[in-house]
Amino acid sequence: PEAFLQEAQVMKKLRHEKLVQLYAVVSEEPIYIVTEFMGQGSLLECLKGEFGALLRLPQLVDFASQIASGMAYVERMNYVHRDLRAANILVGD
């Protein structure tokens, strides 16, 4: 729980259009966070589904650019993601 709460504290500090917005943290058991709704789920789910089969190179490059933009902001704020992968990238509508 301690590491989870520390991660939530970092999320509260980071504000960028390409990062999921943190709205609230419940620090009593059961501990959970409330974030912006990302209707498409993870990038991994999207790529494996019907949507992924329709993607073309320009759209994939755009995804990569958006991810890079968010991660560049995280780095400018002196943080490191440490677990960047498709399953941990959420896709909005």
PDB file of N, CA and C in Angstrom:
ATOM      1  N   PRO A   1       0.815  -1.211   0.000  1.00  0.00           N
ATOM      2  CA  PRO A   1       0.000   0.000   0.000  1.00  0.00           C
ATOM      3  C   PRO A   1       0.864   1.283   0.000  1.00  0.00           C
ATOM      4  N   GLU A   2       2.004   1.236   0.673  1.00  0.00           N
ATOM      5  CA  GLU A   2       2.859   2.429   0.756  1.00  0.00           C
ATOM      6  C   GLU A   2       3.341   2.865  -0.623  1.00  0.00           C
ATOM      7  N   ALA A   3       3.814   1.920  -1.419  1.00  0.00           N
ATOM      8  CA  ALA A   3       4.302   2.236  -2.766  1.00  0.00           C
ATOM      9  C   ALA A   3       3.160   2.768  -3.643  1.00  0.00           C
ATOM     10  N   PHE A   4       1.986   2.186  -3.501  1.00  0.00           N
ATOM     11  CA  PHE A   4       0.810   2.624  -4.256  1.00  0.00           C
ATOM     12  C   PHE A   4       0.472   4.078  -3.924  1.00  0.00           C
ATOM     13  N   LEU A   5       0.490   4.417  -2.646  1.00  0.00           N
ATOM     14  CA  LEU A   5       0.174   5.778  -2.223  1.00  0.00           C
ATOM     15  C   LEU A   5       1.251   6.762  -2.677  1.00  0.00           C
ATOM     16  N   GLN A   6       2.513   6.329  -2.670  1.00  0.00           N
ATOM     17  CA  GLN A   6       3.591   7.190  -3.171  1.00  0.00           C
ATOM     18  C   GLN A   6       3.407   7.460  -4.664  1.00  0.00           C
ATOM     19  N   GLU A   7       3.031   6.436  -5.412  1.00  0.00           N
ATOM     20  CA  GLU A   7       2.781   6.601  -6.844  1.00  0.00           C
ATOM     21  C   GLU A   7       1.622   7.577  -7.075  1.00  0.00           C
ATOM     22  N   ALA A   8       0.592   7.484  -6.263  1.00  0.00           N
ATOM     23  CA  ALA A   8      -0.539   8.397  -6.381  1.00  0.00           C
ATOM     24  C   ALA A   8      -0.108   9.839  -6.099  1.00  0.00           C
ATOM     25  N   GLN A   9       0.790  10.024  -5.140  1.00  0.00           N
ATOM     26  CA  GLN A   9       1.299  11.373  -4.844  1.00  0.00           C
ATOM     27  C   GLN A   9       2.025  11.961  -6.052  1.00  0.00           C
ATOM     28  N   VAL A  10       2.784  11.128  -6.740  1.00  0.00           N
ATOM     29  CA  VAL A  10       3.476  11.581  -7.950  1.00  0.00           C
ATOM     30  C   VAL A  10       2.454  11.931  -9.024  1.00  0.00           C
ATOM     31  N   MET A  11       1.448  11.076  -9.198  1.00  0.00           N
ATOM     32  CA  MET A  11       0.409  11.327 -10.208  1.00  0.00           C
ATOM     33  C   MET A  11      -0.293  12.662  -9.962  1.00  0.00           C
ATOM     34  N   LYS A  12      -0.497  13.016  -8.699  1.00  0.00           N
ATOM     35  CA  LYS A  12      -1.161  14.279  -8.376  1.00  0.00           C
ATOM     36  C   LYS A  12      -0.340  15.478  -8.850  1.00  0.00           C
ATOM     37  N   LYS A  13       0.976  15.346  -8.866  1.00  0.00           N
ATOM     38  CA  LYS A  13       1.857  16.443  -9.258  1.00  0.00           C
ATOM     39  C   LYS A  13       1.933  16.616 -10.775  1.00  0.00           C
ATOM     40  N   LEU A  14       1.701  15.546 -11.526  1.00  0.00           N
ATOM     41  CA  LEU A  14       1.899  15.572 -12.971  1.00  0.00           C
ATOM     42  C   LEU A  14       0.614  15.958 -13.691  1.00  0.00           C
ATOM     43  N   ARG A  15       0.668  17.054 -14.437  1.00  0.00           N
ATOM     44  CA  ARG A  15      -0.489  17.543 -15.195  1.00  0.00           C
ATOM     45  C   ARG A  15      -0.060  17.757 -16.644  1.00  0.00           C
ATOM     46  N   HIS A  16      -0.568  16.926 -17.519  1.00  0.00           N
ATOM     47  CA  HIS A  16      -0.226  17.021 -18.940  1.00  0.00           C
ATOM     48  C   HIS A  16      -1.372  16.428 -19.736  1.00  0.00           C
ATOM     49  N   GLU A  17      -1.625  16.981 -20.908  1.00  0.00           N
ATOM     50  CA  GLU A  17      -2.757  16.520 -21.717  1.00  0.00           C
ATOM     51  C   GLU A  17      -2.642  15.060 -22.150  1.00  0.00           C
ATOM     52  N   LYS A  18      -1.447  14.489 -22.140  1.00  0.00           N
ATOM     53  CA  LYS A  18      -1.258  13.093 -22.565  1.00  0.00           C
ATOM     54  C   LYS A  18      -1.104  12.135 -21.391  1.00  0.00           C
ATOM     55  N   LEU A  19      -1.313  12.622 -20.174  1.00  0.00           N
ATOM     56  CA  LEU A  19      -1.276  11.763 -18.990  1.00  0.00           C
ATOM     57  C   LEU A  19      -2.677  11.661 -18.404  1.00  0.00           C
ATOM     58  N   VAL A  20      -3.016  10.490 -17.897  1.00  0.00           N
ATOM     59  CA  VAL A  20      -4.324  10.276 -17.271  1.00  0.00           C
ATOM     60  C   VAL A  20      -4.416  11.155 -16.023  1.00  0.00           C
ATOM     61  N   GLN A  21      -5.513  11.885 -15.915  1.00  0.00           N
ATOM     62  CA  GLN A  21      -5.724  12.795 -14.797  1.00  0.00           C
ATOM     63  C   GLN A  21      -6.156  12.029 -13.542  1.00  0.00           C
ATOM     64  N   LEU A  22      -5.488  12.280 -12.430  1.00  0.00           N
ATOM     65  CA  LEU A  22      -5.859  11.704 -11.144  1.00  0.00           C
ATOM     66  C   LEU A  22      -6.868  12.637 -10.474  1.00  0.00           C
ATOM     67  N   TYR A  23      -8.005  12.091 -10.048  1.00  0.00           N
ATOM     68  CA  TYR A  23      -9.037  12.902  -9.400  1.00  0.00           C
ATOM     69  C   TYR A  23      -9.050  12.755  -7.883  1.00  0.00           C
ATOM     70  N   ALA A  24      -8.847  11.538  -7.386  1.00  0.00           N
ATOM     71  CA  ALA A  24      -8.928  11.332  -5.940  1.00  0.00           C
ATOM     72  C   ALA A  24      -8.171  10.073  -5.543  1.00  0.00           C
ATOM     73  N   VAL A  25      -7.791  10.046  -4.271  1.00  0.00           N
ATOM     74  CA  VAL A  25      -7.130   8.869  -3.695  1.00  0.00           C
ATOM     75  C   VAL A  25      -7.855   8.518  -2.407  1.00  0.00           C
ATOM     76  N   VAL A  26      -8.236   7.254  -2.265  1.00  0.00           N
ATOM     77  CA  VAL A  26      -8.824   6.766  -1.018  1.00  0.00           C
ATOM     78  C   VAL A  26      -7.720   5.982  -0.325  1.00  0.00           C
ATOM     79  N   SER A  27      -7.246   6.508   0.806  1.00  0.00           N
ATOM     80  CA  SER A  27      -6.083   5.921   1.457  1.00  0.00           C
ATOM     81  C   SER A  27      -6.433   4.924   2.558  1.00  0.00           C
ATOM     82  N   GLU A  28      -7.728   4.730   2.798  1.00  0.00           N
ATOM     83  CA  GLU A  28      -8.152   3.720   3.761  1.00  0.00           C
ATOM     84  C   GLU A  28      -8.455   2.430   3.014  1.00  0.00           C
ATOM     85  N   GLU A  29      -8.344   1.303   3.691  1.00  0.00           N
ATOM     86  CA  GLU A  29      -8.621   0.013   3.058  1.00  0.00           C
ATOM     87  C   GLU A  29     -10.083  -0.074   2.652  1.00  0.00           C
ATOM     88  N   PRO A  30     -10.407  -0.515   1.461  1.00  0.00           N
ATOM     89  CA  PRO A  30      -9.479  -0.833   0.377  1.00  0.00           C
ATOM     90  C   PRO A  30      -8.972   0.448  -0.291  1.00  0.00           C
ATOM     91  N   ILE A  31      -7.678   0.503  -0.510  1.00  0.00           N
ATOM     92  CA  ILE A  31      -7.046   1.667  -1.126  1.00  0.00           C
ATOM     93  C   ILE A  31      -7.318   1.638  -2.629  1.00  0.00           C
ATOM     94  N   TYR A  32      -7.698   2.796  -3.180  1.00  0.00           N
ATOM     95  CA  TYR A  32      -7.878   2.893  -4.622  1.00  0.00           C
ATOM     96  C   TYR A  32      -7.735   4.339  -5.074  1.00  0.00           C
ATOM     97  N   ILE A  33      -7.596   4.511  -6.385  1.00  0.00           N
ATOM     98  CA  ILE A  33      -7.513   5.844  -6.961  1.00  0.00           C
ATOM     99  C   ILE A  33      -8.662   6.036  -7.945  1.00  0.00           C
ATOM    100  N   VAL A  34      -9.057   7.285  -8.128  1.00  0.00           N
ATOM    101  CA  VAL A  34     -10.093   7.635  -9.098  1.00  0.00           C
ATOM    102  C   VAL A  34      -9.416   8.485 -10.164  1.00  0.00           C
ATOM    103  N   THR A  35      -9.497   8.019 -11.417  1.00  0.00           N
ATOM    104  CA  THR A  35      -8.841   8.723 -12.514  1.00  0.00           C
ATOM    105  C   THR A  35      -9.848   9.066 -13.606  1.00  0.00           C
ATOM    106  N   GLU A  36      -9.366   9.846 -14.527  1.00  0.00           N
ATOM    107  CA  GLU A  36     -10.106  10.154 -15.744  1.00  0.00           C
ATOM    108  C   GLU A  36     -10.505   8.841 -16.432  1.00  0.00           C
ATOM    109  N   PHE A  37     -11.714   8.798 -16.985  1.00  0.00           N
ATOM    110  CA  PHE A  37     -12.180   7.596 -17.678  1.00  0.00           C
ATOM    111  C   PHE A  37     -11.526   7.496 -19.049  1.00  0.00           C
ATOM    112  N   MET A  38     -10.925   6.358 -19.328  1.00  0.00           N
ATOM    113  CA  MET A  38     -10.281   6.112 -20.616  1.00  0.00           C
ATOM    114  C   MET A  38     -11.046   4.985 -21.288  1.00  0.00           C
ATOM    115  N   GLY A  39     -12.003   5.352 -22.131  1.00  0.00           N
ATOM    116  CA  GLY A  39     -13.006   4.447 -22.669  1.00  0.00           C
ATOM    117  C   GLY A  39     -12.520   3.304 -23.538  1.00  0.00           C
ATOM    118  N   GLN A  40     -11.333   3.410 -24.094  1.00  0.00           N
ATOM    119  CA  GLN A  40     -10.850   2.344 -24.976  1.00  0.00           C
ATOM    120  C   GLN A  40      -9.993   1.307 -24.256  1.00  0.00           C
ATOM    121  N   GLY A  41      -9.746   1.502 -22.965  1.00  0.00           N
ATOM    122  CA  GLY A  41      -8.931   0.547 -22.217  1.00  0.00           C
ATOM    123  C   GLY A  41      -7.454   0.717 -22.525  1.00  0.00           C
ATOM    124  N   SER A  42      -6.708  -0.351 -22.388  1.00  0.00           N
ATOM    125  CA  SER A  42      -5.261  -0.267 -22.597  1.00  0.00           C
ATOM    126  C   SER A  42      -4.919  -0.294 -24.085  1.00  0.00           C
ATOM    127  N   LEU A  43      -3.750   0.235 -24.405  1.00  0.00           N
ATOM    128  CA  LEU A  43      -3.272   0.190 -25.786  1.00  0.00           C
ATOM    129  C   LEU A  43      -3.125  -1.259 -26.237  1.00  0.00           C
ATOM    130  N   LEU A  44      -2.702  -2.125 -25.342  1.00  0.00           N
ATOM    131  CA  LEU A  44      -2.568  -3.539 -25.689  1.00  0.00           C
ATOM    132  C   LEU A  44      -3.905  -4.127 -26.123  1.00  0.00           C
ATOM    133  N   GLU A  45      -4.963  -3.849 -25.362  1.00  0.00           N
ATOM    134  CA  GLU A  45      -6.303  -4.339 -25.723  1.00  0.00           C
ATOM    135  C   GLU A  45      -6.734  -3.790 -27.072  1.00  0.00           C
ATOM    136  N   CYS A  46      -6.471  -2.508 -27.298  1.00  0.00           N
ATOM    137  CA  CYS A  46      -6.845  -1.884 -28.575  1.00  0.00           C
ATOM    138  C   CYS A  46      -6.119  -2.522 -29.744  1.00  0.00           C
ATOM    139  N   LEU A  47      -4.827  -2.745 -29.588  1.00  0.00           N
ATOM    140  CA  LEU A  47      -4.030  -3.301 -30.680  1.00  0.00           C
ATOM    141  C   LEU A  47      -4.419  -4.742 -30.994  1.00  0.00           C
ATOM    142  N   LYS A  48      -4.833  -5.483 -29.978  1.00  0.00           N
ATOM    143  CA  LYS A  48      -5.220  -6.880 -30.189  1.00  0.00           C
ATOM    144  C   LYS A  48      -6.634  -7.029 -30.759  1.00  0.00           C
ATOM    145  N   GLY A  49      -7.452  -6.006 -30.614  1.00  0.00           N
ATOM    146  CA  GLY A  49      -8.844  -6.076 -31.046  1.00  0.00           C
ATOM    147  C   GLY A  49      -9.050  -5.641 -32.479  1.00  0.00           C
ATOM    148  N   GLU A  50     -10.318  -5.481 -32.848  1.00  0.00           N
ATOM    149  CA  GLU A  50     -10.688  -5.063 -34.203  1.00  0.00           C
ATOM    150  C   GLU A  50     -10.098  -3.701 -34.557  1.00  0.00           C
ATOM    151  N   PHE A  51     -10.086  -2.802 -33.589  1.00  0.00           N
ATOM    152  CA  PHE A  51      -9.539  -1.464 -33.802  1.00  0.00           C
ATOM    153  C   PHE A  51      -8.078  -1.553 -34.252  1.00  0.00           C
ATOM    154  N   GLY A  52      -7.311  -2.420 -33.608  1.00  0.00           N
ATOM    155  CA  GLY A  52      -5.896  -2.571 -33.941  1.00  0.00           C
ATOM    156  C   GLY A  52      -5.671  -3.068 -35.349  1.00  0.00           C
ATOM    157  N   ALA A  53      -6.556  -3.929 -35.817  1.00  0.00           N
ATOM    158  CA  ALA A  53      -6.413  -4.474 -37.170  1.00  0.00           C
ATOM    159  C   ALA A  53      -6.617  -3.397 -38.236  1.00  0.00           C
ATOM    160  N   LEU A  54      -7.334  -2.335 -37.888  1.00  0.00           N
ATOM    161  CA  LEU A  54      -7.619  -1.264 -38.833  1.00  0.00           C
ATOM    162  C   LEU A  54      -6.563  -0.166 -38.842  1.00  0.00           C
ATOM    163  N   LEU A  55      -5.673  -0.177 -37.859  1.00  0.00           N
ATOM    164  CA  LEU A  55      -4.670   0.884 -37.759  1.00  0.00           C
ATOM    165  C   LEU A  55      -3.636   0.794 -38.873  1.00  0.00           C
ATOM    166  N   ARG A  56      -3.262   1.954 -39.356  1.00  0.00           N
ATOM    167  CA  ARG A  56      -2.228   2.048 -40.385  1.00  0.00           C
ATOM    168  C   ARG A  56      -1.036   2.794 -39.806  1.00  0.00           C
ATOM    169  N   LEU A  57       0.059   2.780 -40.523  1.00  0.00           N
ATOM    170  CA  LEU A  57       1.306   3.360 -40.040  1.00  0.00           C
ATOM    171  C   LEU A  57       1.159   4.812 -39.556  1.00  0.00           C
ATOM    172  N   PRO A  58       0.490   5.702 -40.283  1.00  0.00           N
ATOM    173  CA  PRO A  58       0.371   7.080 -39.772  1.00  0.00           C
ATOM    174  C   PRO A  58      -0.307   7.158 -38.397  1.00  0.00           C
ATOM    175  N   GLN A  59      -1.307   6.318 -38.162  1.00  0.00           N
ATOM    176  CA  GLN A  59      -1.987   6.315 -36.863  1.00  0.00           C
ATOM    177  C   GLN A  59      -1.072   5.763 -35.776  1.00  0.00           C
ATOM    178  N   LEU A  60      -0.301   4.732 -36.097  1.00  0.00           N
ATOM    179  CA  LEU A  60       0.636   4.171 -35.127  1.00  0.00           C
ATOM    180  C   LEU A  60       1.724   5.178 -34.778  1.00  0.00           C
ATOM    181  N   VAL A  61       2.198   5.913 -35.774  1.00  0.00           N
ATOM    182  CA  VAL A  61       3.197   6.958 -35.527  1.00  0.00           C
ATOM    183  C   VAL A  61       2.601   8.043 -34.636  1.00  0.00           C
ATOM    184  N   ASP A  62       1.326   8.399 -34.863  1.00  0.00           N
ATOM    185  CA  ASP A  62       0.658   9.394 -34.021  1.00  0.00           C
ATOM    186  C   ASP A  62       0.562   8.903 -32.580  1.00  0.00           C
ATOM    187  N   PHE A  63       0.199   7.640 -32.375  1.00  0.00           N
ATOM    188  CA  PHE A  63       0.174   7.062 -31.018  1.00  0.00           C
ATOM    189  C   PHE A  63       1.540   7.201 -30.369  1.00  0.00           C
ATOM    190  N   ALA A  64       2.585   6.796 -31.101  1.00  0.00           N
ATOM    191  CA  ALA A  64       3.944   6.855 -30.562  1.00  0.00           C
ATOM    192  C   ALA A  64       4.316   8.291 -30.192  1.00  0.00           C
ATOM    193  N   SER A  65       3.919   9.247 -31.020  1.00  0.00           N
ATOM    194  CA  SER A  65       4.207  10.654 -30.755  1.00  0.00           C
ATOM    195  C   SER A  65       3.513  11.135 -29.482  1.00  0.00           C
ATOM    196  N   GLN A  66       2.257  10.736 -29.297  1.00  0.00           N
ATOM    197  CA  GLN A  66       1.520  11.127 -28.097  1.00  0.00           C
ATOM    198  C   GLN A  66       2.142  10.529 -26.840  1.00  0.00           C
ATOM    199  N   ILE A  67       2.545   9.265 -26.931  1.00  0.00           N
ATOM    200  CA  ILE A  67       3.200   8.603 -25.801  1.00  0.00           C
ATOM    201  C   ILE A  67       4.519   9.299 -25.488  1.00  0.00           C
ATOM    202  N   ALA A  68       5.291   9.607 -26.519  1.00  0.00           N
ATOM    203  CA  ALA A  68       6.579  10.286 -26.336  1.00  0.00           C
ATOM    204  C   ALA A  68       6.378  11.660 -25.701  1.00  0.00           C
ATOM    205  N   SER A  69       5.323  12.365 -26.094  1.00  0.00           N
ATOM    206  CA  SER A  69       5.038  13.680 -25.522  1.00  0.00           C
ATOM    207  C   SER A  69       4.787  13.576 -24.017  1.00  0.00           C
ATOM    208  N   GLY A  70       3.969  12.617 -23.629  1.00  0.00           N
ATOM    209  CA  GLY A  70       3.688  12.411 -22.202  1.00  0.00           C
ATOM    210  C   GLY A  70       4.922  11.997 -21.429  1.00  0.00           C
ATOM    211  N   MET A  71       5.714  11.107 -21.995  1.00  0.00           N
ATOM    212  CA  MET A  71       6.917  10.638 -21.301  1.00  0.00           C
ATOM    213  C   MET A  71       7.997  11.718 -21.244  1.00  0.00           C
ATOM    214  N   ALA A  72       8.071  12.574 -22.262  1.00  0.00           N
ATOM    215  CA  ALA A  72       9.026  13.692 -22.235  1.00  0.00           C
ATOM    216  C   ALA A  72       8.665  14.645 -21.093  1.00  0.00           C
ATOM    217  N   TYR A  73       7.368  14.879 -20.890  1.00  0.00           N
ATOM    218  CA  TYR A  73       6.928  15.716 -19.776  1.00  0.00           C
ATOM    219  C   TYR A  73       7.325  15.077 -18.444  1.00  0.00           C
ATOM    220  N   VAL A  74       7.072  13.786 -18.300  1.00  0.00           N
ATOM    221  CA  VAL A  74       7.432  13.073 -17.066  1.00  0.00           C
ATOM    222  C   VAL A  74       8.927  13.236 -16.794  1.00  0.00           C
ATOM    223  N   GLU A  75       9.740  13.096 -17.831  1.00  0.00           N
ATOM    224  CA  GLU A  75      11.189  13.218 -17.678  1.00  0.00           C
ATOM    225  C   GLU A  75      11.575  14.654 -17.307  1.00  0.00           C
ATOM    226  N   ARG A  76      10.933  15.657 -17.926  1.00  0.00           N
ATOM    227  CA  ARG A  76      11.215  17.060 -17.589  1.00  0.00           C
ATOM    228  C   ARG A  76      10.898  17.353 -16.125  1.00  0.00           C
ATOM    229  N   MET A  77       9.931  16.640 -15.581  1.00  0.00           N
ATOM    230  CA  MET A  77       9.558  16.811 -14.178  1.00  0.00           C
ATOM    231  C   MET A  77      10.440  15.971 -13.250  1.00  0.00           C
ATOM    232  N   ASN A  78      11.458  15.332 -13.827  1.00  0.00           N
ATOM    233  CA  ASN A  78      12.446  14.520 -13.090  1.00  0.00           C
ATOM    234  C   ASN A  78      11.882  13.229 -12.506  1.00  0.00           C
ATOM    235  N   TYR A  79      10.983  12.609 -13.256  1.00  0.00           N
ATOM    236  CA  TYR A  79      10.453  11.303 -12.881  1.00  0.00           C
ATOM    237  C   TYR A  79      10.733  10.319 -14.015  1.00  0.00           C
ATOM    238  N   VAL A  80      10.670   9.028 -13.692  1.00  0.00           N
ATOM    239  CA  VAL A  80      10.834   7.963 -14.675  1.00  0.00           C
ATOM    240  C   VAL A  80       9.650   7.023 -14.520  1.00  0.00           C
ATOM    241  N   HIS A  81       9.050   6.603 -15.628  1.00  0.00           N
ATOM    242  CA  HIS A  81       7.873   5.731 -15.554  1.00  0.00           C
ATOM    243  C   HIS A  81       8.217   4.353 -14.993  1.00  0.00           C
ATOM    244  N   ARG A  82       9.261   3.725 -15.439  1.00  0.00           N
ATOM    245  CA  ARG A  82       9.782   2.429 -14.996  1.00  0.00           C
ATOM    246  C   ARG A  82       8.987   1.206 -15.458  1.00  0.00           C
ATOM    247  N   ASP A  83       7.806   1.380 -16.027  1.00  0.00           N
ATOM    248  CA  ASP A  83       7.060   0.216 -16.515  1.00  0.00           C
ATOM    249  C   ASP A  83       6.216   0.604 -17.730  1.00  0.00           C
ATOM    250  N   LEU A  84       6.859   1.256 -18.689  1.00  0.00           N
ATOM    251  CA  LEU A  84       6.153   1.700 -19.882  1.00  0.00           C
ATOM    252  C   LEU A  84       5.983   0.532 -20.838  1.00  0.00           C
ATOM    253  N   ARG A  85       4.729   0.163 -21.066  1.00  0.00           N
ATOM    254  CA  ARG A  85       4.383  -0.924 -21.989  1.00  0.00           C
ATOM    255  C   ARG A  85       2.937  -0.751 -22.400  1.00  0.00           C
ATOM    256  N   ALA A  86       2.549  -1.410 -23.462  1.00  0.00           N
ATOM    257  CA  ALA A  86       1.210  -1.232 -24.034  1.00  0.00           C
ATOM    258  C   ALA A  86       0.100  -1.510 -23.018  1.00  0.00           C
ATOM    259  N   ALA A  87       0.303  -2.455 -22.125  1.00  0.00           N
ATOM    260  CA  ALA A  87      -0.725  -2.775 -21.132  1.00  0.00           C
ATOM    261  C   ALA A  87      -0.913  -1.644 -20.123  1.00  0.00           C
ATOM    262  N   ASN A  88       0.084  -0.762 -19.989  1.00  0.00           N
ATOM    263  CA  ASN A  88       0.014   0.329 -19.024  1.00  0.00           C
ATOM    264  C   ASN A  88      -0.274   1.682 -19.658  1.00  0.00           C
ATOM    265  N   ILE A  89      -0.594   1.687 -20.934  1.00  0.00           N
ATOM    266  CA  ILE A  89      -0.960   2.923 -21.634  1.00  0.00           C
ATOM    267  C   ILE A  89      -2.458   2.867 -21.878  1.00  0.00           C
ATOM    268  N   LEU A  90      -3.172   3.865 -21.369  1.00  0.00           N
ATOM    269  CA  LEU A  90      -4.624   3.890 -21.520  1.00  0.00           C
ATOM    270  C   LEU A  90      -5.012   4.778 -22.687  1.00  0.00           C
ATOM    271  N   VAL A  91      -6.054   4.361 -23.405  1.00  0.00           N
ATOM    272  CA  VAL A  91      -6.487   5.045 -24.621  1.00  0.00           C
ATOM    273  C   VAL A  91      -7.877   5.631 -24.390  1.00  0.00           C
ATOM    274  N   GLY A  92      -7.995   6.930 -24.645  1.00  0.00           N
ATOM    275  CA  GLY A  92      -9.282   7.609 -24.510  1.00  0.00           C
ATOM    276  C   GLY A  92     -10.091   7.489 -25.787  1.00  0.00           C
ATOM    277  N   ASP A  93     -11.223   8.147 -25.802  1.00  0.00           N
ATOM    278  CA  ASP A  93     -12.106   8.107 -26.976  1.00  0.00           C
ATOM    279  C   ASP A  93     -11.651   9.031 -28.082  1.00  0.00           C
TER     280      ASP A  93
END
